[in-house]
């Protein structure tokens, strides 16, 4: 999972995406 970083590919995803995030997430923090 760490090796397979998605940052360069996300622009290709054009379908609707909902991000529902815990404000206090310490594993994938808010900045993620």
ModelCIF file with pLDDT and N, C-alpha, C, O atoms, coordinates in Angstrom:
data_MODEL
#
_entry.id   MODEL 
#
_entity.id                         1 
_entity.type                       polymer 
_entity.pdbx_number_of_molecules   1 
#
_entity_poly.entity_id                      1 
_entity_poly.type                           'polypeptide(L)' 
_entity_poly.nstd_linkage                   no 
_entity_poly.nstd_monomer                   no 
_entity_poly.pdbx_seq_one_letter_code       
;(UNK)(UNK)(UNK)(UNK)(UNK)(UNK)(UNK)(UNK)(UNK)(UNK)(UNK)(UNK)(UNK)(UNK)(UNK)(UNK)
(UNK)(UNK)(UNK)(UNK)(UNK)(UNK)(UNK)(UNK)(UNK)(UNK)(UNK)(UNK)(UNK)(UNK)(UNK)(UNK)
;
_entity_poly.pdbx_seq_one_letter_code_can   XXXXXXXXXXXXXXXXXXXXXXXXXXXXXXXX 
_entity_poly.pdbx_strand_id                 A 
#
loop_
_entity_poly_seq.entity_id 
_entity_poly_seq.num 
_entity_poly_seq.mon_id 
_entity_poly_seq.hetero 
1 1  UNK n 
1 2  UNK n 
1 3  UNK n 
1 4  UNK n 
1 5  UNK n 
1 6  UNK n 
1 7  UNK n 
1 8  UNK n 
1 9  UNK n 
1 10 UNK n 
1 11 UNK n 
1 12 UNK n 
1 13 UNK n 
1 14 UNK n 
1 15 UNK n 
1 16 UNK n 
1 17 UNK n 
1 18 UNK n 
1 19 UNK n 
1 20 UNK n 
1 21 UNK n 
1 22 UNK n 
1 23 UNK n 
1 24 UNK n 
1 25 UNK n 
1 26 UNK n 
1 27 UNK n 
1 28 UNK n 
1 29 UNK n 
1 30 UNK n 
1 31 UNK n 
1 32 UNK n 
#
_struct_asym.id          A 
_struct_asym.entity_id   1 
#
loop_
_ma_qa_metric.id 
_ma_qa_metric.mode 
_ma_qa_metric.name 
_ma_qa_metric.software_group_id 
_ma_qa_metric.type 
1 global pLDDT . pLDDT 
2 local  pLDDT . pLDDT 
#
_ma_qa_metric_global.metric_id      1 
_ma_qa_metric_global.metric_value   95.50 
_ma_qa_metric_global.model_id       1 
_ma_qa_metric_global.ordinal_id     1 
#
loop_
_ma_qa_metric_local.label_asym_id 
_ma_qa_metric_local.label_comp_id 
_ma_qa_metric_local.label_seq_id 
_ma_qa_metric_local.metric_id 
_ma_qa_metric_local.metric_value 
_ma_qa_metric_local.model_id 
_ma_qa_metric_local.ordinal_id 
A UNK 1  2 87.00 1 1  
A UNK 2  2 87.00 1 2  
A UNK 3  2 89.00 1 3  
A UNK 4  2 91.00 1 4  
A UNK 5  2 93.00 1 5  
A UNK 6  2 95.00 1 6  
A UNK 7  2 95.00 1 7  
A UNK 8  2 96.00 1 8  
A UNK 9  2 97.00 1 9  
A UNK 10 2 97.00 1 10 
A UNK 11 2 97.00 1 11 
A UNK 12 2 98.00 1 12 
A UNK 13 2 98.00 1 13 
A UNK 14 2 97.00 1 14 
A UNK 15 2 98.00 1 15 
A UNK 16 2 98.00 1 16 
A UNK 17 2 98.00 1 17 
A UNK 18 2 98.00 1 18 
A UNK 19 2 98.00 1 19 
A UNK 20 2 98.00 1 20 
A UNK 21 2 98.00 1 21 
A UNK 22 2 98.00 1 22 
A UNK 23 2 98.00 1 23 
A UNK 24 2 97.00 1 24 
A UNK 25 2 96.00 1 25 
A UNK 26 2 93.00 1 26 
A UNK 27 2 93.00 1 27 
A UNK 28 2 94.00 1 28 
A UNK 29 2 95.00 1 29 
A UNK 30 2 97.00 1 30 
A UNK 31 2 96.00 1 31 
A UNK 32 2 96.00 1 32 
#
loop_
_atom_site.group_PDB 
_atom_site.id 
_atom_site.type_symbol 
_atom_site.label_atom_id 
_atom_site.label_alt_id 
_atom_site.label_comp_id 
_atom_site.label_asym_id 
_atom_site.label_entity_id 
_atom_site.label_seq_id 
_atom_site.pdbx_PDB_ins_code 
_atom_site.Cartn_x 
_atom_site.Cartn_y 
_atom_site.Cartn_z 
_atom_site.occupancy 
_atom_site.B_iso_or_equiv 
_atom_site.pdbx_formal_charge 
_atom_site.auth_seq_id 
_atom_site.auth_comp_id 
_atom_site.auth_asym_id 
_atom_site.auth_atom_id 
_atom_site.pdbx_PDB_model_num 
ATOM 1   N N  . UNK A 1 1  ? 0.833   -1.211 0.000   1.00 87.00 ? 1  UNK A N  1 
ATOM 2   C CA . UNK A 1 1  ? 0.000   0.000  0.000   1.00 87.00 ? 1  UNK A CA 1 
ATOM 3   C C  . UNK A 1 1  ? 0.867   1.261  0.000   1.00 87.00 ? 1  UNK A C  1 
ATOM 4   O O  . UNK A 1 1  ? 0.569   2.227  -0.702  1.00 87.00 ? 1  UNK A O  1 
ATOM 5   N N  . UNK A 1 2  ? 1.930   1.243  0.783   1.00 87.00 ? 2  UNK A N  1 
ATOM 6   C CA . UNK A 1 2  ? 2.829   2.403  0.852   1.00 87.00 ? 2  UNK A CA 1 
ATOM 7   C C  . UNK A 1 2  ? 3.511   2.626  -0.505  1.00 87.00 ? 2  UNK A C  1 
ATOM 8   O O  . UNK A 1 2  ? 3.644   3.760  -0.966  1.00 87.00 ? 2  UNK A O  1 
ATOM 9   N N  . UNK A 1 3  ? 3.941   1.523  -1.137  1.00 89.00 ? 3  UNK A N  1 
ATOM 10  C CA . UNK A 1 3  ? 4.608   1.628  -2.446  1.00 89.00 ? 3  UNK A CA 1 
ATOM 11  C C  . UNK A 1 3  ? 3.652   2.157  -3.525  1.00 89.00 ? 3  UNK A C  1 
ATOM 12  O O  . UNK A 1 3  ? 4.050   2.906  -4.418  1.00 89.00 ? 3  UNK A O  1 
ATOM 13  N N  . UNK A 1 4  ? 2.387   1.749  -3.416  1.00 91.00 ? 4  UNK A N  1 
ATOM 14  C CA . UNK A 1 4  ? 1.426   2.066  -4.489  1.00 91.00 ? 4  UNK A CA 1 
ATOM 15  C C  . UNK A 1 4  ? 0.720   3.389  -4.183  1.00 91.00 ? 4  UNK A C  1 
ATOM 16  O O  . UNK A 1 4  ? -0.475  3.412  -3.888  1.00 91.00 ? 4  UNK A O  1 
ATOM 17  N N  . UNK A 1 5  ? 1.469   4.482  -4.257  1.00 93.00 ? 5  UNK A N  1 
ATOM 18  C CA . UNK A 1 5  ? 0.896   5.806  -3.991  1.00 93.00 ? 5  UNK A CA 1 
ATOM 19  C C  . UNK A 1 5  ? 0.073   6.258  -5.200  1.00 93.00 ? 5  UNK A C  1 
ATOM 20  O O  . UNK A 1 5  ? 0.504   6.128  -6.345  1.00 93.00 ? 5  UNK A O  1 
ATOM 21  N N  . UNK A 1 6  ? -1.113  6.788  -4.923  1.00 95.00 ? 6  UNK A N  1 
ATOM 22  C CA . UNK A 1 6  ? -2.083  7.080  -5.982  1.00 95.00 ? 6  UNK A CA 1 
ATOM 23  C C  . UNK A 1 6  ? -2.058  8.532  -6.479  1.00 95.00 ? 6  UNK A C  1 
ATOM 24  O O  . UNK A 1 6  ? -2.798  8.880  -7.399  1.00 95.00 ? 6  UNK A O  1 
ATOM 25  N N  . UNK A 1 7  ? -1.223  9.370  -5.886  1.00 95.00 ? 7  UNK A N  1 
ATOM 26  C CA . UNK A 1 7  ? -1.295  10.820 -6.135  1.00 95.00 ? 7  UNK A CA 1 
ATOM 27  C C  . UNK A 1 7  ? -1.282  11.189 -7.623  1.00 95.00 ? 7  UNK A C  1 
ATOM 28  O O  . UNK A 1 7  ? -2.015  12.083 -8.047  1.00 95.00 ? 7  UNK A O  1 
ATOM 29  N N  . UNK A 1 8  ? -0.450  10.503 -8.415  1.00 96.00 ? 8  UNK A N  1 
ATOM 30  C CA . UNK A 1 8  ? -0.303  10.882 -9.828  1.00 96.00 ? 8  UNK A CA 1 
ATOM 31  C C  . UNK A 1 8  ? -1.449  10.399 -10.706 1.00 96.00 ? 8  UNK A C  1 
ATOM 32  O O  . UNK A 1 8  ? -1.559  10.817 -11.858 1.00 96.00 ? 8  UNK A O  1 
ATOM 33  N N  . UNK A 1 9  ? -2.294  9.535  -10.188 1.00 97.00 ? 9  UNK A N  1 
ATOM 34  C CA . UNK A 1 9  ? -3.354  8.937  -11.006 1.00 97.00 ? 9  UNK A CA 1 
ATOM 35  C C  . UNK A 1 9  ? -4.755  9.457  -10.699 1.00 97.00 ? 9  UNK A C  1 
ATOM 36  O O  . UNK A 1 9  ? -5.686  9.216  -11.467 1.00 97.00 ? 9  UNK A O  1 
ATOM 37  N N  . UNK A 1 10 ? -4.913  10.161 -9.591  1.00 97.00 ? 10 UNK A N  1 
ATOM 38  C CA . UNK A 1 10 ? -6.264  10.520 -9.146  1.00 97.00 ? 10 UNK A CA 1 
ATOM 39  C C  . UNK A 1 10 ? -6.986  11.460 -10.114 1.00 97.00 ? 10 UNK A C  1 
ATOM 40  O O  . UNK A 1 10 ? -8.217  11.467 -10.156 1.00 97.00 ? 10 UNK A O  1 
ATOM 41  N N  . UNK A 1 11 ? -6.249  12.243 -10.884 1.00 97.00 ? 11 UNK A N  1 
ATOM 42  C CA . UNK A 1 11 ? -6.887  13.177 -11.821 1.00 97.00 ? 11 UNK A CA 1 
ATOM 43  C C  . UNK A 1 11 ? -7.707  12.443 -12.892 1.00 97.00 ? 11 UNK A C  1 
ATOM 44  O O  . UNK A 1 11 ? -8.575  13.036 -13.532 1.00 97.00 ? 11 UNK A O  1 
ATOM 45  N N  . UNK A 1 12 ? -7.422  11.149 -13.079 1.00 98.00 ? 12 UNK A N  1 
ATOM 46  C CA . UNK A 1 12 ? -8.123  10.366 -14.109 1.00 98.00 ? 12 UNK A CA 1 
ATOM 47  C C  . UNK A 1 12 ? -9.508  9.904  -13.651 1.00 98.00 ? 12 UNK A C  1 
ATOM 48  O O  . UNK A 1 12 ? -10.298 9.421  -14.462 1.00 98.00 ? 12 UNK A O  1 
ATOM 49  N N  . UNK A 1 13 ? -9.804  10.047 -12.368 1.00 98.00 ? 13 UNK A N  1 
ATOM 50  C CA . UNK A 1 13 ? -11.082 9.565  -11.832 1.00 98.00 ? 13 UNK A CA 1 
ATOM 51  C C  . UNK A 1 13 ? -12.103 10.706 -11.887 1.00 98.00 ? 13 UNK A C  1 
ATOM 52  O O  . UNK A 1 13 ? -12.018 11.667 -11.123 1.00 98.00 ? 13 UNK A O  1 
ATOM 53  N N  . UNK A 1 14 ? -13.056 10.586 -12.791 1.00 97.00 ? 14 UNK A N  1 
ATOM 54  C CA . UNK A 1 14 ? -14.017 11.679 -13.017 1.00 97.00 ? 14 UNK A CA 1 
ATOM 55  C C  . UNK A 1 14 ? -15.410 11.378 -12.478 1.00 97.00 ? 14 UNK A C  1 
ATOM 56  O O  . UNK A 1 14 ? -16.285 12.243 -12.525 1.00 97.00 ? 14 UNK A O  1 
ATOM 57  N N  . UNK A 1 15 ? -15.636 10.163 -11.964 1.00 98.00 ? 15 UNK A N  1 
ATOM 58  C CA . UNK A 1 15 ? -16.941 9.855  -11.382 1.00 98.00 ? 15 UNK A CA 1 
ATOM 59  C C  . UNK A 1 15 ? -17.102 10.629 -10.062 1.00 98.00 ? 15 UNK A C  1 
ATOM 60  O O  . UNK A 1 15 ? -16.109 11.071 -9.484  1.00 98.00 ? 15 UNK A O  1 
ATOM 61  N N  . UNK A 1 16 ? -18.355 10.795 -9.580  1.00 98.00 ? 16 UNK A N  1 
ATOM 62  C CA . UNK A 1 16 ? -18.542 11.467 -8.289  1.00 98.00 ? 16 UNK A CA 1 
ATOM 63  C C  . UNK A 1 16 ? -17.884 10.685 -7.149  1.00 98.00 ? 16 UNK A C  1 
ATOM 64  O O  . UNK A 1 16 ? -18.005 9.463  -7.065  1.00 98.00 ? 16 UNK A O  1 
ATOM 65  N N  . UNK A 1 17 ? -17.187 11.413 -6.278  1.00 98.00 ? 17 UNK A N  1 
ATOM 66  C CA . UNK A 1 17 ? -16.523 10.803 -5.120  1.00 98.00 ? 17 UNK A CA 1 
ATOM 67  C C  . UNK A 1 17 ? -16.926 11.564 -3.857  1.00 98.00 ? 17 UNK A C  1 
ATOM 68  O O  . UNK A 1 17 ? -16.826 12.790 -3.802  1.00 98.00 ? 17 UNK A O  1 
ATOM 69  N N  . UNK A 1 18 ? -17.380 10.827 -2.849  1.00 98.00 ? 18 UNK A N  1 
ATOM 70  C CA . UNK A 1 18 ? -17.643 11.426 -1.527  1.00 98.00 ? 18 UNK A CA 1 
ATOM 71  C C  . UNK A 1 18 ? -16.534 11.001 -0.578  1.00 98.00 ? 18 UNK A C  1 
ATOM 72  O O  . UNK A 1 18 ? -16.250 9.812  -0.430  1.00 98.00 ? 18 UNK A O  1 
ATOM 73  N N  . UNK A 1 19 ? -15.917 11.972 0.056   1.00 98.00 ? 19 UNK A N  1 
ATOM 74  C CA . UNK A 1 19 ? -14.917 11.728 1.098   1.00 98.00 ? 19 UNK A CA 1 
ATOM 75  C C  . UNK A 1 19 ? -15.604 12.017 2.430   1.00 98.00 ? 19 UNK A C  1 
ATOM 76  O O  . UNK A 1 19 ? -15.958 13.161 2.715   1.00 98.00 ? 19 UNK A O  1 
ATOM 77  N N  . UNK A 1 20 ? -15.789 10.984 3.240   1.00 98.00 ? 20 UNK A N  1 
ATOM 78  C CA . UNK A 1 20 ? -16.438 11.142 4.550   1.00 98.00 ? 20 UNK A CA 1 
ATOM 79  C C  . UNK A 1 20 ? -15.387 10.799 5.593   1.00 98.00 ? 20 UNK A C  1 
ATOM 80  O O  . UNK A 1 20 ? -14.997 9.640  5.730   1.00 98.00 ? 20 UNK A O  1 
ATOM 81  N N  . UNK A 1 21 ? -14.925 11.813 6.334   1.00 98.00 ? 21 UNK A N  1 
ATOM 82  C CA . UNK A 1 21 ? -13.675 11.658 7.093   1.00 98.00 ? 21 UNK A CA 1 
ATOM 83  C C  . UNK A 1 21 ? -13.842 12.041 8.560   1.00 98.00 ? 21 UNK A C  1 
ATOM 84  O O  . UNK A 1 21 ? -14.533 13.004 8.894   1.00 98.00 ? 21 UNK A O  1 
ATOM 85  N N  . UNK A 1 22 ? -13.203 11.274 9.417   1.00 98.00 ? 22 UNK A N  1 
ATOM 86  C CA . UNK A 1 22 ? -13.140 11.621 10.828  1.00 98.00 ? 22 UNK A CA 1 
ATOM 87  C C  . UNK A 1 22 ? -12.184 12.784 11.049  1.00 98.00 ? 22 UNK A C  1 
ATOM 88  O O  . UNK A 1 22 ? -11.028 12.728 10.630  1.00 98.00 ? 22 UNK A O  1 
ATOM 89  N N  . UNK A 1 23 ? -12.666 13.844 11.709  1.00 98.00 ? 23 UNK A N  1 
ATOM 90  C CA . UNK A 1 23 ? -11.818 15.013 11.985  1.00 98.00 ? 23 UNK A CA 1 
ATOM 91  C C  . UNK A 1 23 ? -10.622 14.652 12.862  1.00 98.00 ? 23 UNK A C  1 
ATOM 92  O O  . UNK A 1 23 ? -9.612  15.355 12.867  1.00 98.00 ? 23 UNK A O  1 
ATOM 93  N N  . UNK A 1 24 ? -10.746 13.541 13.607  1.00 97.00 ? 24 UNK A N  1 
ATOM 94  C CA . UNK A 1 24 ? -9.702  13.140 14.563  1.00 97.00 ? 24 UNK A CA 1 
ATOM 95  C C  . UNK A 1 24 ? -8.995  11.857 14.131  1.00 97.00 ? 24 UNK A C  1 
ATOM 96  O O  . UNK A 1 24 ? -8.435  11.135 14.956  1.00 97.00 ? 24 UNK A O  1 
ATOM 97  N N  . UNK A 1 25 ? -9.029  11.587 12.834  1.00 96.00 ? 25 UNK A N  1 
ATOM 98  C CA . UNK A 1 25 ? -8.356  10.398 12.292  1.00 96.00 ? 25 UNK A CA 1 
ATOM 99  C C  . UNK A 1 25 ? -6.844  10.580 12.443  1.00 96.00 ? 25 UNK A C  1 
ATOM 100 O O  . UNK A 1 25 ? -6.265  11.527 11.911  1.00 96.00 ? 25 UNK A O  1 
ATOM 101 N N  . UNK A 1 26 ? -6.214  9.656  13.179  1.00 93.00 ? 26 UNK A N  1 
ATOM 102 C CA . UNK A 1 26 ? -4.758  9.736  13.380  1.00 93.00 ? 26 UNK A CA 1 
ATOM 103 C C  . UNK A 1 26 ? -4.013  8.804  12.424  1.00 93.00 ? 26 UNK A C  1 
ATOM 104 O O  . UNK A 1 26 ? -2.792  8.893  12.296  1.00 93.00 ? 26 UNK A O  1 
ATOM 105 N N  . UNK A 1 27 ? -4.743  7.912  11.756  1.00 93.00 ? 27 UNK A N  1 
ATOM 106 C CA . UNK A 1 27 ? -4.116  6.963  10.825  1.00 93.00 ? 27 UNK A CA 1 
ATOM 107 C C  . UNK A 1 27 ? -3.985  7.592  9.435   1.00 93.00 ? 27 UNK A C  1 
ATOM 108 O O  . UNK A 1 27 ? -2.904  7.596  8.845   1.00 93.00 ? 27 UNK A O  1 
ATOM 109 N N  . UNK A 1 28 ? -5.095  8.120  8.925   1.00 94.00 ? 28 UNK A N  1 
ATOM 110 C CA . UNK A 1 28 ? -5.061  8.924  7.688   1.00 94.00 ? 28 UNK A CA 1 
ATOM 111 C C  . UNK A 1 28 ? -5.605  10.303 8.069   1.00 94.00 ? 28 UNK A C  1 
ATOM 112 O O  . UNK A 1 28 ? -6.800  10.558 7.920   1.00 94.00 ? 28 UNK A O  1 
ATOM 113 N N  . UNK A 1 29 ? -4.744  11.187 8.556   1.00 95.00 ? 29 UNK A N  1 
ATOM 114 C CA . UNK A 1 29 ? -5.168  12.454 9.163   1.00 95.00 ? 29 UNK A CA 1 
ATOM 115 C C  . UNK A 1 29 ? -5.932  13.360 8.191   1.00 95.00 ? 29 UNK A C  1 
ATOM 116 O O  . UNK A 1 29 ? -5.944  13.109 6.986   1.00 95.00 ? 29 UNK A O  1 
ATOM 117 N N  . UNK A 1 30 ? -6.573  14.422 8.720   1.00 97.00 ? 30 UNK A N  1 
ATOM 118 C CA . UNK A 1 30 ? -7.380  15.322 7.897   1.00 97.00 ? 30 UNK A CA 1 
ATOM 119 C C  . UNK A 1 30 ? -6.672  15.844 6.650   1.00 97.00 ? 30 UNK A C  1 
ATOM 120 O O  . UNK A 1 30 ? -7.305  16.028 5.611   1.00 97.00 ? 30 UNK A O  1 
ATOM 121 N N  . UNK A 1 31 ? -5.354  16.085 6.745   1.00 96.00 ? 31 UNK A N  1 
ATOM 122 C CA . UNK A 1 31 ? -4.660  16.598 5.557   1.00 96.00 ? 31 UNK A CA 1 
ATOM 123 C C  . UNK A 1 31 ? -4.674  15.594 4.402   1.00 96.00 ? 31 UNK A C  1 
ATOM 124 O O  . UNK A 1 31 ? -4.560  15.981 3.240   1.00 96.00 ? 31 UNK A O  1 
ATOM 125 N N  . UNK A 1 32 ? -4.813  14.308 4.722   1.00 96.00 ? 32 UNK A N  1 
ATOM 126 C CA . UNK A 1 32 ? -4.938  13.287 3.669   1.00 96.00 ? 32 UNK A CA 1 
ATOM 127 C C  . UNK A 1 32 ? -6.263  13.485 2.928   1.00 96.00 ? 32 UNK A C  1 
ATOM 128 O O  . UNK A 1 32 ? -6.571  12.734 2.002   1.00 96.00 ? 32 UNK A O  1 
#
